[in-house]
Amino acid sequence: MIQLVAFLGNFGKEYSDTRHNAAWLFESSLAFSDKIDWQKKFKSDFAAVDFFTAALWLKNCGLIKERKDGSLPVPDNAPSKLYFMKPLTYMNLSGDAIGEAARFYKIPAQDILVVHDEIELPIGTVSLKFGGGLGGHNGLRSAKAVLGTADFFRLRFGVGKPADGNIADYVLGSFTPDEKIILSQIFVQAANLFAKVLTCKDANTLIPEWGKRKLLASNGK
């Protein structure tokens, strides 16, 4: 099961609304975001949350439902804690922060979920993926280099490609007003997927449905 969630992005006001910060924008949109007690640790904003506390947050937000007996839908192999982090190393060195936390808590790569922007997917698309190519994403490259493998889960938010091919300027550019509307709408649906990933015995079972899910057309209709 997932033990560590890393939301990739760049810190600083000038980057707050940029495409590269789609994961941070998603985190801040979560209904329980204000309950996360962030601390400075592992070169990141870092939080350790009791798993049952996190599951209760998800239930209270309507993202998961109780079983018929009133218990939370928590698998037998659930970890005692969930760890959330937002690396403060800038995107290209995200792996430094992820690696420090993974080593300290002895978390294998396959129990890590990296949330990030994805230029290979159009805006309005959300994708759950395990392993595979990195799509030229420097944050993922850094994570692979430090972890020694690309075999970790990714929750990808499509941001589309630039018309002129200038990737760096594009991902460091701000979302347009229309794109922000699209994001606000798909984040609501993506939160349900996020909850399933965190409470699922094996997140691989979700990939057939969520391997590349277009939640909203790029024109917002």
Protein backbone atom coordinates (compact mmCIF):
# COMPACT_ATOMS: atom_id res chain seq x y z
CA MET A 1 0.00 0.00 0.00
CA ILE A 2 0.99 3.61 -0.46
CA GLN A 3 2.94 4.96 2.52
CA LEU A 4 4.53 8.12 1.12
CA VAL A 5 2.90 10.74 -1.11
CA ALA A 6 5.16 13.33 -2.74
CA PHE A 7 3.49 16.34 -4.37
CA LEU A 8 6.01 17.80 -6.82
CA GLY A 9 6.35 21.52 -7.41
CA ASN A 10 8.47 24.62 -6.96
CA PHE A 11 8.31 26.76 -3.84
CA GLY A 12 7.99 30.52 -4.01
CA LYS A 13 5.14 32.90 -4.84
CA GLU A 14 6.32 33.31 -8.43
CA TYR A 15 5.68 29.61 -9.09
CA SER A 16 2.44 29.14 -7.17
CA ASP A 17 0.08 29.15 -10.17
CA THR A 18 2.39 27.59 -12.74
CA ARG A 19 1.75 24.37 -14.62
CA HIS A 20 4.71 22.70 -12.89
CA ASN A 21 2.84 23.24 -9.60
CA ALA A 22 -0.29 21.35 -10.60
CA ALA A 23 0.35 18.82 -7.82
CA TRP A 24 0.64 21.50 -5.15
CA LEU A 25 -2.55 23.11 -6.42
CA PHE A 26 -4.25 19.72 -6.20
CA GLU A 27 -3.05 19.20 -2.63
CA SER A 28 -4.32 22.61 -1.55
CA SER A 29 -7.72 21.81 -3.13
CA LEU A 30 -8.23 18.69 -0.99
CA ALA A 31 -10.97 19.16 1.58
CA PHE A 32 -8.68 17.95 4.36
CA SER A 33 -5.65 20.00 3.30
CA ASP A 34 -6.00 22.39 6.23
CA LYS A 35 -5.77 19.47 8.66
CA ILE A 36 -2.29 18.47 7.53
CA ASP A 37 0.31 19.68 10.02
CA TRP A 38 3.27 20.52 7.81
CA GLN A 39 6.76 20.57 9.32
CA LYS A 40 10.12 21.37 7.76
CA LYS A 41 11.83 18.00 7.41
CA PHE A 42 13.64 16.00 4.71
CA LYS A 43 14.19 19.14 2.59
CA SER A 44 10.43 19.48 2.31
CA ASP A 45 7.18 20.47 3.90
CA PHE A 46 6.53 17.12 5.56
CA ALA A 47 3.71 15.56 7.56
CA ALA A 48 3.22 12.21 9.28
CA VAL A 49 -0.43 11.27 9.76
CA ASP A 50 -1.88 8.26 11.55
CA PHE A 51 -3.46 6.12 8.85
CA PHE A 52 -6.82 5.81 10.62
CA THR A 53 -6.87 9.57 11.17
CA ALA A 54 -6.28 10.09 7.45
CA ALA A 55 -9.03 7.57 6.63
CA LEU A 56 -11.39 9.45 8.95
CA TRP A 57 -10.59 12.69 7.11
CA LEU A 58 -11.44 10.96 3.84
CA LYS A 59 -14.73 9.68 5.25
CA ASN A 60 -15.71 13.04 6.71
CA CYS A 61 -15.02 14.64 3.31
CA GLY A 62 -17.27 12.11 1.60
CA LEU A 63 -14.37 10.54 -0.32
CA ILE A 64 -14.79 7.06 1.18
CA LYS A 65 -17.74 5.34 2.84
CA GLU A 66 -17.98 3.31 6.02
CA ARG A 67 -18.61 -0.41 5.82
CA LYS A 68 -22.03 -1.71 6.78
CA ASP A 69 -20.75 -2.39 10.28
CA GLY A 70 -19.68 1.24 10.65
CA SER A 71 -15.95 0.57 10.37
CA LEU A 72 -13.61 2.39 8.03
CA PRO A 73 -12.67 0.58 4.79
CA VAL A 74 -9.06 -0.01 5.82
CA PRO A 75 -7.23 -3.09 4.47
CA ASP A 76 -5.43 -5.47 6.81
CA ASN A 77 -2.07 -4.45 5.32
CA ALA A 78 -2.61 -0.72 5.91
CA PRO A 79 0.49 1.11 7.17
CA SER A 80 0.40 2.66 10.64
CA LYS A 81 1.12 6.07 9.16
CA LEU A 82 0.85 7.99 5.91
CA TYR A 83 3.56 10.48 5.02
CA PHE A 84 2.92 13.53 2.86
CA MET A 85 5.62 15.76 1.46
CA LYS A 86 6.13 18.76 -0.80
CA PRO A 87 9.85 18.87 -1.68
CA LEU A 88 11.42 22.30 -1.27
CA THR A 89 14.43 21.47 -3.41
CA TYR A 90 12.90 22.87 -6.61
CA MET A 91 11.52 20.42 -9.12
CA ASN A 92 14.77 19.16 -10.64
CA LEU A 93 16.07 17.88 -7.28
CA SER A 94 12.81 16.44 -5.95
CA GLY A 95 14.41 13.03 -5.56
CA ASP A 96 16.75 14.33 -2.85
CA ALA A 97 13.81 14.98 -0.55
CA ILE A 98 11.89 11.83 -1.52
CA GLY A 99 14.98 9.67 -1.06
CA GLU A 100 15.75 11.04 2.41
CA ALA A 101 12.25 10.28 3.67
CA ALA A 102 12.10 6.87 1.98
CA ARG A 103 15.43 5.82 3.48
CA PHE A 104 14.58 7.08 6.96
CA TYR A 105 11.25 5.25 7.12
CA LYS A 106 12.46 2.28 5.02
CA ILE A 107 9.70 2.78 2.46
CA PRO A 108 10.18 0.78 -0.78
CA ALA A 109 9.71 2.60 -4.08
CA GLN A 110 6.57 0.61 -4.92
CA ASP A 111 4.86 2.14 -1.85
CA ILE A 112 5.49 5.71 -3.00
CA LEU A 113 3.00 7.87 -4.93
CA VAL A 114 4.40 10.86 -6.81
CA VAL A 115 1.83 13.46 -7.85
CA HIS A 116 2.94 15.66 -10.75
CA ASP A 117 2.10 17.62 -13.88
CA GLU A 118 2.31 15.83 -17.23
CA ILE A 119 2.82 17.55 -20.59
CA GLU A 120 2.17 14.31 -22.48
CA LEU A 121 -1.48 14.46 -21.43
CA PRO A 122 -3.99 17.18 -22.41
CA ILE A 123 -5.40 19.37 -19.69
CA GLY A 124 -8.53 17.80 -18.26
CA THR A 125 -6.88 14.37 -18.10
CA VAL A 126 -5.86 12.49 -14.97
CA SER A 127 -3.80 9.32 -15.03
CA LEU A 128 -2.66 6.72 -12.51
CA LYS A 129 0.49 4.93 -13.59
CA PHE A 130 3.06 2.57 -12.14
CA GLY A 131 6.64 2.59 -13.39
CA GLY A 132 7.45 3.05 -17.05
CA GLY A 133 8.91 6.03 -18.87
CA LEU A 134 9.49 9.43 -17.31
CA GLY A 135 8.28 11.55 -20.22
CA GLY A 136 11.16 13.98 -19.85
CA HIS A 137 9.91 15.12 -16.44
CA ASN A 138 12.92 16.29 -14.43
CA GLY A 139 11.24 15.72 -11.09
CA LEU A 140 10.62 12.09 -11.98
CA ARG A 141 14.15 11.73 -13.32
CA SER A 142 15.49 12.94 -10.00
CA ALA A 143 13.25 10.53 -8.08
CA LYS A 144 14.38 7.61 -10.23
CA ALA A 145 18.06 8.55 -9.84
CA VAL A 146 17.84 8.65 -6.06
CA LEU A 147 15.51 5.68 -5.57
CA GLY A 148 17.40 3.59 -8.11
CA THR A 149 14.20 2.61 -9.90
CA ALA A 150 11.23 4.10 -11.76
CA ASP A 151 8.91 1.54 -10.18
CA PHE A 152 6.78 3.89 -8.13
CA PHE A 153 3.21 5.07 -8.60
CA ARG A 154 2.42 8.37 -10.31
CA LEU A 155 -0.76 10.42 -10.22
CA ARG A 156 -0.47 12.61 -13.29
CA PHE A 157 -2.35 15.79 -14.14
CA GLY A 158 -2.31 16.66 -17.82
CA VAL A 159 -1.21 20.21 -18.61
CA GLY A 160 -0.82 19.85 -22.38
CA LYS A 161 2.09 20.82 -24.61
CA PRO A 162 3.24 24.26 -25.77
CA ALA A 163 2.52 25.22 -29.36
CA ASP A 164 6.05 26.56 -29.86
CA GLY A 165 7.85 23.59 -28.28
CA ASN A 166 9.46 25.65 -25.48
CA ILE A 167 8.83 23.20 -22.63
CA ALA A 168 10.68 25.04 -19.85
CA ASP A 169 8.89 28.35 -20.35
CA TYR A 170 5.58 26.54 -20.73
CA VAL A 171 5.66 24.53 -17.50
CA LEU A 172 6.97 27.54 -15.60
CA GLY A 173 4.19 29.66 -17.04
CA SER A 174 0.92 30.26 -15.24
CA PHE A 175 -2.30 28.44 -16.04
CA THR A 176 -4.71 30.49 -18.11
CA PRO A 177 -8.05 31.50 -16.51
CA ASP A 178 -9.85 28.83 -18.55
CA GLU A 179 -7.31 26.19 -17.50
CA LYS A 180 -7.80 27.12 -13.85
CA ILE A 181 -11.52 26.52 -14.22
CA ILE A 182 -10.85 23.10 -15.75
CA LEU A 183 -8.43 22.21 -12.96
CA SER A 184 -10.86 23.22 -10.23
CA GLN A 185 -13.44 20.88 -11.76
CA ILE A 186 -11.19 17.86 -12.31
CA PHE A 187 -9.57 18.21 -8.88
CA VAL A 188 -12.94 17.36 -7.33
CA GLN A 189 -13.08 14.07 -9.26
CA ALA A 190 -9.37 13.38 -8.83
CA ALA A 191 -9.80 13.61 -5.05
CA ASN A 192 -11.97 10.50 -5.23
CA LEU A 193 -9.24 8.64 -7.09
CA PHE A 194 -6.64 9.88 -4.59
CA ALA A 195 -8.73 8.52 -1.72
CA LYS A 196 -9.05 5.15 -3.46
CA VAL A 197 -5.28 4.98 -4.04
CA LEU A 198 -4.56 5.67 -0.37
CA THR A 199 -7.03 3.10 0.96
CA CYS A 200 -6.67 0.40 -1.69
CA LYS A 201 -4.87 -2.83 -0.88
CA ASP A 202 -3.17 -2.75 -4.28
CA ALA A 203 -3.30 0.47 -6.31
CA ASN A 204 -2.50 -1.51 -9.47
CA THR A 205 -6.13 -2.64 -9.49
CA LEU A 206 -7.19 0.95 -10.17
CA ILE A 207 -5.04 1.42 -13.27
CA PRO A 208 -7.39 -0.26 -15.78
CA GLU A 209 -10.01 2.40 -14.98
CA TRP A 210 -7.67 5.30 -14.29
CA GLY A 211 -4.74 4.64 -16.63
CA LYS A 212 -5.66 7.69 -18.70
CA ARG A 213 -8.99 9.20 -17.71
CA LYS A 214 -10.25 12.26 -19.53
CA LEU A 215 -12.41 14.00 -16.96
CA LEU A 216 -13.11 17.16 -18.90
CA ALA A 217 -12.61 18.38 -22.46
CA SER A 218 -10.00 21.07 -22.91
CA ASN A 219 -12.68 23.61 -23.76
CA GLY A 220 -14.33 22.97 -20.40
CA LYS A 221 -17.44 21.34 -21.88
